[in-house]
Amino acid sequence: MGDARSVVNIGAGTGSYEPRDRTVIAVELSATMIGQRPREGAPAVQASASALPLADKSMDAALAVLTIHHWPDQRRGLCEMARVARKRCVILTWTPSEPYWLSDYFPEILERERPLFSLEPYCDVFGHVEIRPVAIPFDCTDGFLCAYWRRPEAYFDPHARGAISSFAHIHDVEQGLEELRRDLDDGTWKERNGHLLDRTECDFGYRLVVAELQP
């Protein structure tokens, strides 16, 4: 966020990624998510990324963390970010170009989500952008899709899967879980992915997109 003192967090969810040391306005479409936000959190407005209820250049920065793939009109949402922000727009996203072993068991994830994670709209809307790789630590405490890359057993936990939107679109989750369990039990998973067990962090395609806006 740099020197931004005011931030709009778009697709804010429960507020897990909001900075605590500056003024934040949260924008979230889901009433359920808004209801789960902490009382001491930033004020939340129920609205879509495609129509932010903020005036032009009213915030220093606009933030969107692991949310843009849920937007029905990504380009329009990015244009809205550029409209309301004075200084910069920051987006954390995923580019499923890097291989991830989970797709061996759930190929539907890549089939469905690869078209949703193009980097082209950022350049079209913002012009010049800086794209920074974000390596994921082996003990990542957040529960997004690739967080458990060194802890495959975590995917058997229904609560962990429930926090990963990708699983909501898989028709037969149990079949993939059975294959994963079999490969863990007979050593196939370790034979294929054992090289990961000595790593402390890995790049699975998560990217931080930073756009500095012109006055």
C-alpha atoms as a PDB file:
ATOM      1  CA  MET A   1       0.000   0.000   0.000  1.00  0.00           C
ATOM      2  CA  GLY A   2       3.016   2.296   0.242  1.00  0.00           C
ATOM      3  CA  ASP A   3       2.133   5.718   1.618  1.00  0.00           C
ATOM      4  CA  ALA A   4      -1.609   5.324   1.003  1.00  0.00           C
ATOM      5  CA  ARG A   5      -3.527   6.450   4.067  1.00  0.00           C
ATOM      6  CA  SER A   6      -6.972   5.479   2.806  1.00  0.00           C
ATOM      7  CA  VAL A   7      -7.794   2.156   1.145  1.00  0.00           C
ATOM      8  CA  VAL A   8     -10.904   0.604  -0.347  1.00  0.00           C
ATOM      9  CA  ASN A   9     -10.805  -3.170  -0.004  1.00  0.00           C
ATOM     10  CA  ILE A  10     -12.927  -4.664  -2.788  1.00  0.00           C
ATOM     11  CA  GLY A  11     -14.337  -8.155  -2.402  1.00  0.00           C
ATOM     12  CA  ALA A  12     -13.326  -7.741   1.206  1.00  0.00           C
ATOM     13  CA  GLY A  13     -14.963 -10.871   2.592  1.00  0.00           C
ATOM     14  CA  THR A  14     -14.501 -11.116   6.339  1.00  0.00           C
ATOM     15  CA  GLY A  15     -11.656  -8.597   6.332  1.00  0.00           C
ATOM     16  CA  SER A  16      -8.710 -10.951   6.754  1.00  0.00           C
ATOM     17  CA  TYR A  17      -6.433  -8.921   4.488  1.00  0.00           C
ATOM     18  CA  GLU A  18      -7.291  -5.402   5.566  1.00  0.00           C
ATOM     19  CA  PRO A  19      -4.515  -3.176   6.908  1.00  0.00           C
ATOM     20  CA  ARG A  20      -5.053  -2.007  10.489  1.00  0.00           C
ATOM     21  CA  ASP A  21      -2.863   1.099  10.347  1.00  0.00           C
ATOM     22  CA  ARG A  22      -4.859   3.232   7.897  1.00  0.00           C
ATOM     23  CA  THR A  23      -8.409   4.189   7.000  1.00  0.00           C
ATOM     24  CA  VAL A  24     -10.222   1.346   5.228  1.00  0.00           C
ATOM     25  CA  ILE A  25     -13.618   1.067   3.590  1.00  0.00           C
ATOM     26  CA  ALA A  26     -14.641  -2.503   2.777  1.00  0.00           C
ATOM     27  CA  VAL A  27     -16.823  -3.320  -0.219  1.00  0.00           C
ATOM     28  CA  GLU A  28     -18.411  -6.791  -0.218  1.00  0.00           C
ATOM     29  CA  LEU A  29     -21.362  -8.116  -2.193  1.00  0.00           C
ATOM     30  CA  SER A  30     -22.229 -11.028   0.103  1.00  0.00           C
ATOM     31  CA  ALA A  31     -24.374 -10.218   3.126  1.00  0.00           C
ATOM     32  CA  THR A  32     -23.201 -13.489   4.684  1.00  0.00           C
ATOM     33  CA  MET A  33     -19.569 -12.394   4.496  1.00  0.00           C
ATOM     34  CA  ILE A  34     -20.400  -8.979   5.883  1.00  0.00           C
ATOM     35  CA  GLY A  35     -22.176 -10.642   8.799  1.00  0.00           C
ATOM     36  CA  GLN A  36     -18.991 -12.559   9.639  1.00  0.00           C
ATOM     37  CA  ARG A  37     -16.799  -9.476   9.831  1.00  0.00           C
ATOM     38  CA  PRO A  38     -15.469  -8.524  13.276  1.00  0.00           C
ATOM     39  CA  ARG A  39     -17.234  -5.654  15.012  1.00  0.00           C
ATOM     40  CA  GLU A  40     -13.983  -3.751  15.363  1.00  0.00           C
ATOM     41  CA  GLY A  41     -13.235  -4.130  11.646  1.00  0.00           C
ATOM     42  CA  ALA A  42     -13.495  -1.498   8.963  1.00  0.00           C
ATOM     43  CA  PRO A  43     -16.971  -0.316   7.951  1.00  0.00           C
ATOM     44  CA  ALA A  44     -18.419  -2.441   5.162  1.00  0.00           C
ATOM     45  CA  VAL A  45     -20.670  -1.475   2.275  1.00  0.00           C
ATOM     46  CA  GLN A  46     -22.681  -4.096   0.390  1.00  0.00           C
ATOM     47  CA  ALA A  47     -21.960  -3.431  -3.266  1.00  0.00           C
ATOM     48  CA  SER A  48     -20.484  -4.953  -6.406  1.00  0.00           C
ATOM     49  CA  ALA A  49     -16.970  -4.407  -7.705  1.00  0.00           C
ATOM     50  CA  SER A  50     -18.594  -3.316 -10.954  1.00  0.00           C
ATOM     51  CA  ALA A  51     -20.276  -0.311  -9.309  1.00  0.00           C
ATOM     52  CA  LEU A  52     -18.264   0.980  -6.369  1.00  0.00           C
ATOM     53  CA  PRO A  53     -20.286   3.437  -4.235  1.00  0.00           C
ATOM     54  CA  LEU A  54     -17.398   5.889  -4.005  1.00  0.00           C
ATOM     55  CA  ALA A  55     -16.594   9.174  -5.687  1.00  0.00           C
ATOM     56  CA  ASP A  56     -13.841   9.547  -8.264  1.00  0.00           C
ATOM     57  CA  LYS A  57     -10.341   9.637  -6.722  1.00  0.00           C
ATOM     58  CA  SER A  58     -11.791   9.489  -3.217  1.00  0.00           C
ATOM     59  CA  MET A  59      -9.308   6.919  -1.850  1.00  0.00           C
ATOM     60  CA  ASP A  60      -5.534   6.753  -1.991  1.00  0.00           C
ATOM     61  CA  ALA A  61      -5.497   3.099  -2.999  1.00  0.00           C
ATOM     62  CA  ALA A  62      -7.749   0.257  -4.095  1.00  0.00           C
ATOM     63  CA  LEU A  63      -7.075  -3.306  -2.947  1.00  0.00           C
ATOM     64  CA  ALA A  64      -8.430  -6.636  -4.219  1.00  0.00           C
ATOM     65  CA  VAL A  65      -7.126  -9.875  -2.714  1.00  0.00           C
ATOM     66  CA  LEU A  66      -7.952 -13.256  -4.296  1.00  0.00           C
ATOM     67  CA  THR A  67     -11.329 -11.982  -5.434  1.00  0.00           C
ATOM     68  CA  ILE A  68     -11.188 -10.841  -9.052  1.00  0.00           C
ATOM     69  CA  HIS A  69     -11.956 -14.333 -10.387  1.00  0.00           C
ATOM     70  CA  HIS A  70     -15.370 -14.019  -8.704  1.00  0.00           C
ATOM     71  CA  TRP A  71     -16.228 -10.800 -10.535  1.00  0.00           C
ATOM     72  CA  PRO A  72     -18.670 -11.284 -13.431  1.00  0.00           C
ATOM     73  CA  ASP A  73     -17.064  -8.385 -15.319  1.00  0.00           C
ATOM     74  CA  GLN A  74     -13.377  -8.190 -14.437  1.00  0.00           C
ATOM     75  CA  ARG A  75     -12.535  -5.353 -16.791  1.00  0.00           C
ATOM     76  CA  ARG A  76     -15.322  -3.167 -15.438  1.00  0.00           C
ATOM     77  CA  GLY A  77     -14.266  -3.898 -11.867  1.00  0.00           C
ATOM     78  CA  LEU A  78     -10.669  -2.925 -12.634  1.00  0.00           C
ATOM     79  CA  CYS A  79     -11.884   0.282 -14.269  1.00  0.00           C
ATOM     80  CA  GLU A  80     -13.814   1.025 -11.087  1.00  0.00           C
ATOM     81  CA  MET A  81     -10.647   0.498  -9.035  1.00  0.00           C
ATOM     82  CA  ALA A  82      -8.787   2.979 -11.244  1.00  0.00           C
ATOM     83  CA  ARG A  83     -11.664   5.444 -10.984  1.00  0.00           C
ATOM     84  CA  VAL A  84     -11.842   5.641  -7.195  1.00  0.00           C
ATOM     85  CA  ALA A  85      -8.104   5.419  -6.430  1.00  0.00           C
ATOM     86  CA  ARG A  86      -5.769   8.412  -6.515  1.00  0.00           C
ATOM     87  CA  LYS A  87      -2.391   6.683  -6.206  1.00  0.00           C
ATOM     88  CA  ARG A  88      -2.369   2.944  -6.835  1.00  0.00           C
ATOM     89  CA  CYS A  89      -4.283  -0.265  -7.314  1.00  0.00           C
ATOM     90  CA  VAL A  90      -3.032  -3.514  -5.794  1.00  0.00           C
ATOM     91  CA  ILE A  91      -4.397  -6.939  -6.732  1.00  0.00           C
ATOM     92  CA  LEU A  92      -3.356 -10.340  -5.423  1.00  0.00           C
ATOM     93  CA  THR A  93      -4.334 -12.992  -7.930  1.00  0.00           C
ATOM     94  CA  TRP A  94      -3.453 -16.470  -9.151  1.00  0.00           C
ATOM     95  CA  THR A  95      -2.086 -17.451 -12.545  1.00  0.00           C
ATOM     96  CA  PRO A  96      -2.581 -21.228 -12.890  1.00  0.00           C
ATOM     97  CA  SER A  97       0.367 -21.558 -15.248  1.00  0.00           C
ATOM     98  CA  GLU A  98       2.653 -23.094 -12.642  1.00  0.00           C
ATOM     99  CA  PRO A  99       2.101 -26.845 -12.109  1.00  0.00           C
ATOM    100  CA  TYR A 100       0.405 -27.809  -8.868  1.00  0.00           C
ATOM    101  CA  TRP A 101      -0.018 -31.449  -7.914  1.00  0.00           C
ATOM    102  CA  LEU A 102      -3.616 -31.023  -6.717  1.00  0.00           C
ATOM    103  CA  SER A 103      -4.742 -30.813 -10.350  1.00  0.00           C
ATOM    104  CA  ASP A 104      -3.683 -34.473 -10.744  1.00  0.00           C
ATOM    105  CA  TYR A 105      -6.653 -35.328  -8.550  1.00  0.00           C
ATOM    106  CA  PHE A 106      -9.013 -32.483  -9.454  1.00  0.00           C
ATOM    107  CA  PRO A 107      -8.337 -31.542 -13.101  1.00  0.00           C
ATOM    108  CA  GLU A 108     -11.605 -29.582 -13.111  1.00  0.00           C
ATOM    109  CA  ILE A 109      -9.875 -26.816 -11.162  1.00  0.00           C
ATOM    110  CA  LEU A 110      -7.591 -25.871 -14.034  1.00  0.00           C
ATOM    111  CA  GLU A 111     -10.228 -26.514 -16.667  1.00  0.00           C
ATOM    112  CA  ARG A 112     -12.629 -24.072 -15.042  1.00  0.00           C
ATOM    113  CA  GLU A 113     -10.331 -21.460 -13.565  1.00  0.00           C
ATOM    114  CA  ARG A 114      -7.536 -21.038 -16.093  1.00  0.00           C
ATOM    115  CA  PRO A 115      -9.711 -18.739 -18.275  1.00  0.00           C
ATOM    116  CA  LEU A 116     -10.621 -16.642 -15.205  1.00  0.00           C
ATOM    117  CA  PHE A 117      -7.064 -15.667 -14.314  1.00  0.00           C
ATOM    118  CA  SER A 118      -5.665 -13.911 -17.363  1.00  0.00           C
ATOM    119  CA  LEU A 119      -3.248 -11.028 -16.752  1.00  0.00           C
ATOM    120  CA  GLU A 120      -4.330  -9.236 -19.927  1.00  0.00           C
ATOM    121  CA  PRO A 121      -7.098  -7.094 -18.363  1.00  0.00           C
ATOM    122  CA  TYR A 122      -4.610  -5.443 -15.996  1.00  0.00           C
ATOM    123  CA  CYS A 123      -2.456  -4.119 -18.818  1.00  0.00           C
ATOM    124  CA  ASP A 124      -5.513  -3.086 -20.830  1.00  0.00           C
ATOM    125  CA  VAL A 125      -6.980  -1.054 -17.968  1.00  0.00           C
ATOM    126  CA  PHE A 126      -3.930   0.278 -16.140  1.00  0.00           C
ATOM    127  CA  GLY A 127      -1.339   0.390 -18.900  1.00  0.00           C
ATOM    128  CA  HIS A 128       1.958  -0.296 -17.149  1.00  0.00           C
ATOM    129  CA  VAL A 129       1.790  -2.696 -14.194  1.00  0.00           C
ATOM    130  CA  GLU A 130       4.375  -4.340 -11.983  1.00  0.00           C
ATOM    131  CA  ILE A 131       3.830  -8.062 -11.474  1.00  0.00           C
ATOM    132  CA  ARG A 132       5.587  -9.601  -8.482  1.00  0.00           C
ATOM    133  CA  PRO A 133       5.740 -13.342  -7.745  1.00  0.00           C
ATOM    134  CA  VAL A 134       4.395 -14.309  -4.327  1.00  0.00           C
ATOM    135  CA  ALA A 135       5.958 -17.477  -2.948  1.00  0.00           C
ATOM    136  CA  ILE A 136       3.803 -19.502  -0.543  1.00  0.00           C
ATOM    137  CA  PRO A 137       5.463 -20.682   2.694  1.00  0.00           C
ATOM    138  CA  PHE A 138       5.067 -24.326   3.669  1.00  0.00           C
ATOM    139  CA  ASP A 139       3.262 -23.397   6.889  1.00  0.00           C
ATOM    140  CA  CYS A 140       0.937 -20.799   5.368  1.00  0.00           C
ATOM    141  CA  THR A 141      -1.905 -20.184   7.812  1.00  0.00           C
ATOM    142  CA  ASP A 142      -4.384 -18.956   5.221  1.00  0.00           C
ATOM    143  CA  GLY A 143      -6.514 -21.584   3.532  1.00  0.00           C
ATOM    144  CA  PHE A 144      -6.516 -20.639  -0.147  1.00  0.00           C
ATOM    145  CA  LEU A 145      -6.131 -23.282  -2.846  1.00  0.00           C
ATOM    146  CA  CYS A 146      -2.358 -23.850  -2.859  1.00  0.00           C
ATOM    147  CA  ALA A 147      -1.723 -23.104   0.825  1.00  0.00           C
ATOM    148  CA  TYR A 148      -1.397 -26.806   1.668  1.00  0.00           C
ATOM    149  CA  TRP A 149       1.176 -27.706  -0.975  1.00  0.00           C
ATOM    150  CA  ARG A 150       3.376 -29.496   1.603  1.00  0.00           C
ATOM    151  CA  ARG A 151       0.452 -30.709   3.743  1.00  0.00           C
ATOM    152  CA  PRO A 152      -1.739 -32.798   1.411  1.00  0.00           C
ATOM    153  CA  GLU A 153      -3.682 -34.329   4.306  1.00  0.00           C
ATOM    154  CA  ALA A 154      -5.264 -30.927   4.926  1.00  0.00           C
ATOM    155  CA  TYR A 155      -7.470 -31.341   1.862  1.00  0.00           C
ATOM    156  CA  PHE A 156      -9.349 -34.146   3.591  1.00  0.00           C
ATOM    157  CA  ASP A 157     -10.690 -31.631   6.128  1.00  0.00           C
ATOM    158  CA  PRO A 158     -14.132 -30.471   4.948  1.00  0.00           C
ATOM    159  CA  HIS A 159     -13.655 -27.160   6.758  1.00  0.00           C
ATOM    160  CA  ALA A 160     -10.444 -26.510   4.817  1.00  0.00           C
ATOM    161  CA  ARG A 161     -12.149 -27.383   1.531  1.00  0.00           C
ATOM    162  CA  GLY A 162     -15.124 -25.222   2.477  1.00  0.00           C
ATOM    163  CA  ALA A 163     -12.835 -22.171   2.548  1.00  0.00           C
ATOM    164  CA  ILE A 164     -11.609 -22.873  -1.005  1.00  0.00           C
ATOM    165  CA  SER A 165     -14.081 -21.738  -3.630  1.00  0.00           C
ATOM    166  CA  SER A 166     -12.593 -24.054  -6.271  1.00  0.00           C
ATOM    167  CA  PHE A 167     -14.025 -27.112  -4.539  1.00  0.00           C
ATOM    168  CA  ALA A 168     -17.558 -25.759  -4.776  1.00  0.00           C
ATOM    169  CA  HIS A 169     -17.488 -26.335  -8.533  1.00  0.00           C
ATOM    170  CA  ILE A 170     -16.206 -29.935  -8.492  1.00  0.00           C
ATOM    171  CA  HIS A 171     -18.924 -32.462  -9.212  1.00  0.00           C
ATOM    172  CA  ASP A 172     -17.375 -35.477  -7.461  1.00  0.00           C
ATOM    173  CA  VAL A 173     -14.968 -34.397  -4.745  1.00  0.00           C
ATOM    174  CA  GLU A 174     -14.893 -37.839  -3.134  1.00  0.00           C
ATOM    175  CA  GLN A 175     -13.345 -39.535  -6.151  1.00  0.00           C
ATOM    176  CA  GLY A 176     -10.385 -37.183  -6.158  1.00  0.00           C
ATOM    177  CA  LEU A 177      -9.984 -37.499  -2.396  1.00  0.00           C
ATOM    178  CA  GLU A 178      -9.971 -41.296  -2.648  1.00  0.00           C
ATOM    179  CA  GLU A 179      -7.233 -41.154  -5.280  1.00  0.00           C
ATOM    180  CA  LEU A 180      -5.202 -38.776  -3.135  1.00  0.00           C
ATOM    181  CA  ARG A 181      -5.599 -41.000  -0.075  1.00  0.00           C
ATOM    182  CA  ARG A 182      -4.511 -44.044  -2.057  1.00  0.00           C
ATOM    183  CA  ASP A 183      -1.424 -42.279  -3.382  1.00  0.00           C
ATOM    184  CA  LEU A 184      -0.487 -41.039   0.074  1.00  0.00           C
ATOM    185  CA  ASP A 185      -0.891 -44.519   1.554  1.00  0.00           C
ATOM    186  CA  ASP A 186       1.130 -46.377  -1.082  1.00  0.00           C
ATOM    187  CA  GLY A 187       3.846 -43.748  -1.469  1.00  0.00           C
ATOM    188  CA  THR A 188       2.899 -42.608  -4.970  1.00  0.00           C
ATOM    189  CA  TRP A 189       2.332 -39.017  -3.875  1.00  0.00           C
ATOM    190  CA  LYS A 190       5.733 -38.861  -2.188  1.00  0.00           C
ATOM    191  CA  GLU A 191       7.423 -40.432  -5.189  1.00  0.00           C
ATOM    192  CA  ARG A 192       5.953 -37.715  -7.425  1.00  0.00           C
ATOM    193  CA  ASN A 193       6.185 -34.778  -5.052  1.00  0.00           C
ATOM    194  CA  GLY A 194       8.808 -35.693  -2.483  1.00  0.00           C
ATOM    195  CA  HIS A 195      11.074 -32.931  -3.773  1.00  0.00           C
ATOM    196  CA  LEU A 196       8.663 -30.442  -2.210  1.00  0.00           C
ATOM    197  CA  LEU A 197       9.140 -31.741   1.315  1.00  0.00           C
ATOM    198  CA  ASP A 198      12.511 -30.018   1.700  1.00  0.00           C
ATOM    199  CA  ARG A 199      11.241 -26.672   0.432  1.00  0.00           C
ATOM    200  CA  THR A 200      10.236 -23.885   2.791  1.00  0.00           C
ATOM    201  CA  GLU A 201       8.380 -21.909   0.107  1.00  0.00           C
ATOM    202  CA  CYS A 202       7.201 -22.421  -3.455  1.00  0.00           C
ATOM    203  CA  ASP A 203       5.885 -20.394  -6.371  1.00  0.00           C
ATOM    204  CA  PHE A 204       2.565 -21.776  -7.586  1.00  0.00           C
ATOM    205  CA  GLY A 205       1.549 -18.804  -9.684  1.00  0.00           C
ATOM    206  CA  TYR A 206       0.307 -16.293  -7.123  1.00  0.00           C
ATOM    207  CA  ARG A 207       1.055 -12.772  -8.303  1.00  0.00           C
ATOM    208  CA  LEU A 208       0.849  -9.287  -6.832  1.00  0.00           C
ATOM    209  CA  VAL A 209      -0.199  -6.789  -9.483  1.00  0.00           C
ATOM    210  CA  VAL A 210       0.669  -3.181  -8.648  1.00  0.00           C
ATOM    211  CA  ALA A 211      -0.508  -0.300 -10.820  1.00  0.00           C
ATOM    212  CA  GLU A 212       0.776   3.202 -10.046  1.00  0.00           C
ATOM    213  CA  LEU A 213      -1.834   5.664 -11.274  1.00  0.00           C
ATOM    214  CA  GLN A 214      -1.028   8.869 -13.103  1.00  0.00           C
ATOM    215  CA  PRO A 215      -2.451  12.111 -11.703  1.00  0.00           C
END
